[in-house]
């Protein structure tokens, strides 16, 4: 039975349809057992790219790999040479930047809002 309040019609049937479609997709993907490469992964990449309005999509095994690929792209095609980040992060953030060939500068945190402060130039150094 679909819960309904007086005068309010919930869109549960369409939500249930989407949920069933996604569950079937996950079930197929899990049964296929090709978590790296293979037709299921290629199909997922195509569907995700389409959903995001992108031309391509690349599935990766971790957030670290996603960060590395992004930083590598920036280093290669946008000529970014330095990453400014906080020391209060998981080591993989710095590691991904170093693997991508970037210089890492660690910054300070604003104690009032926990946000990263702008880079500070030291005498003889550039930010």
Protein backbone atom coordinates (compact mmCIF):
# COMPACT_ATOMS: atom_id res chain seq x y z
CA UNK A 1 0.00 0.00 0.00
CA UNK A 2 1.33 3.41 -0.99
CA UNK A 3 1.14 5.95 1.87
CA UNK A 4 -0.87 9.05 0.99
CA UNK A 5 -1.82 12.13 2.90
CA UNK A 6 -5.04 13.99 2.21
CA UNK A 7 -4.60 16.09 -0.91
CA UNK A 8 -1.05 14.88 -1.50
CA UNK A 9 -0.23 12.22 -4.05
CA UNK A 10 3.22 10.74 -3.67
CA UNK A 11 5.27 9.77 -6.72
CA UNK A 12 6.23 6.44 -5.19
CA UNK A 13 5.35 4.25 -8.21
CA UNK A 14 7.82 6.06 -10.48
CA UNK A 15 10.44 6.07 -7.73
CA UNK A 16 9.92 2.34 -7.25
CA UNK A 17 10.39 1.80 -11.00
CA UNK A 18 13.72 3.67 -10.94
CA UNK A 19 14.78 1.76 -7.82
CA UNK A 20 13.94 -1.59 -9.46
CA UNK A 21 15.90 -0.64 -12.59
CA UNK A 22 18.92 0.32 -10.51
CA UNK A 23 18.70 -2.82 -8.39
CA UNK A 24 18.56 -4.95 -11.55
CA UNK A 25 21.61 -3.12 -12.89
CA UNK A 26 23.54 -3.65 -9.62
CA UNK A 27 22.50 -7.31 -9.52
CA UNK A 28 23.70 -7.80 -13.12
CA UNK A 29 26.97 -6.00 -12.38
CA UNK A 30 27.61 -8.07 -9.24
CA UNK A 31 26.79 -11.35 -10.99
CA UNK A 32 29.04 -10.47 -13.94
CA UNK A 33 32.04 -10.26 -11.55
CA UNK A 34 33.98 -8.02 -13.94
CA UNK A 35 34.68 -5.16 -11.59
CA UNK A 36 37.71 -4.08 -13.64
CA UNK A 37 37.35 -3.75 -17.40
CA UNK A 38 34.88 -5.88 -19.32
CA UNK A 39 31.54 -5.17 -20.96
CA UNK A 40 29.71 -4.27 -17.73
CA UNK A 41 32.26 -1.60 -16.86
CA UNK A 42 32.21 -0.19 -20.39
CA UNK A 43 28.41 -0.11 -20.32
CA UNK A 44 28.49 1.65 -16.94
CA UNK A 45 30.97 4.24 -18.25
CA UNK A 46 28.80 4.93 -21.30
CA UNK A 47 25.63 5.25 -19.20
CA UNK A 48 27.31 7.49 -16.60
CA UNK A 49 28.80 9.76 -19.28
CA UNK A 50 25.36 10.04 -20.88
CA UNK A 51 23.72 10.84 -17.53
CA UNK A 52 26.35 13.52 -16.81
CA UNK A 53 26.18 14.99 -20.31
CA UNK A 54 29.84 14.14 -20.88
CA UNK A 55 31.47 12.72 -23.95
CA UNK A 56 33.48 10.13 -21.98
CA UNK A 57 33.66 8.58 -18.54
CA UNK A 58 36.46 6.55 -16.95
CA UNK A 59 35.69 4.26 -14.05
CA UNK A 60 38.46 4.03 -11.46
CA UNK A 61 38.97 1.85 -8.42
CA UNK A 62 39.28 4.58 -5.80
CA UNK A 63 39.00 8.26 -5.02
CA UNK A 64 42.78 8.41 -4.98
CA UNK A 65 42.93 7.24 -8.59
CA UNK A 66 40.19 9.71 -9.55
CA UNK A 67 42.15 12.54 -7.93
CA UNK A 68 45.38 11.40 -9.60
CA UNK A 69 43.80 11.33 -13.07
CA UNK A 70 42.27 14.76 -12.55
CA UNK A 71 45.55 16.26 -11.34
CA UNK A 72 47.50 14.53 -14.12
CA UNK A 73 45.13 16.05 -16.68
CA UNK A 74 45.59 19.51 -15.13
CA UNK A 75 49.37 19.10 -15.13
CA UNK A 76 49.48 17.83 -18.71
CA UNK A 77 46.90 19.99 -20.47
CA UNK A 78 46.38 23.05 -18.28
CA UNK A 79 50.00 23.41 -17.21
CA UNK A 80 49.20 23.45 -13.50
CA UNK A 81 52.44 22.89 -11.58
CA UNK A 82 51.48 23.34 -7.93
CA UNK A 83 48.71 22.12 -5.63
CA UNK A 84 47.76 24.05 -2.52
CA UNK A 85 46.04 21.92 0.11
CA UNK A 86 45.68 21.42 3.82
CA UNK A 87 47.86 19.17 5.96
CA UNK A 88 44.59 18.06 7.61
CA UNK A 89 43.73 15.66 4.80
CA UNK A 90 44.18 12.01 4.04
CA UNK A 91 47.71 11.27 2.82
CA UNK A 92 46.32 10.10 -0.53
CA UNK A 93 45.55 13.72 -1.46
CA UNK A 94 49.21 14.71 -1.30
CA UNK A 95 50.32 11.36 -2.74
CA UNK A 96 48.08 11.75 -5.80
CA UNK A 97 49.48 15.22 -6.46
CA UNK A 98 53.07 14.01 -6.16
CA UNK A 99 52.36 11.03 -8.46
CA UNK A 100 50.94 13.49 -11.00
CA UNK A 101 54.25 15.36 -10.94
CA UNK A 102 52.98 18.42 -9.06
CA UNK A 103 54.59 20.43 -6.30
CA UNK A 104 52.54 20.39 -3.10
CA UNK A 105 52.24 23.40 -0.82
CA UNK A 106 50.52 22.87 2.51
CA UNK A 107 48.53 25.77 3.92
CA UNK A 108 46.99 26.84 7.18
CA UNK A 109 43.38 26.51 8.30
CA UNK A 110 41.20 29.40 9.43
CA UNK A 111 40.30 28.47 13.00
CA UNK A 112 36.97 30.29 12.77
CA UNK A 113 35.55 28.34 9.84
CA UNK A 114 38.01 25.45 9.20
CA UNK A 115 38.56 26.62 5.61
CA UNK A 116 41.92 26.72 3.88
CA UNK A 117 43.55 30.15 4.11
CA UNK A 118 44.98 31.77 0.95
CA UNK A 119 48.63 30.97 0.20
CA UNK A 120 51.20 33.21 1.86
CA UNK A 121 54.28 34.37 -0.03
CA UNK A 122 57.46 34.16 1.98
CA UNK A 123 60.48 36.38 1.23
CA UNK A 124 62.32 34.87 -1.72
CA UNK A 125 59.49 32.42 -2.45
CA UNK A 126 56.44 32.61 -4.71
CA UNK A 127 53.04 31.18 -3.85
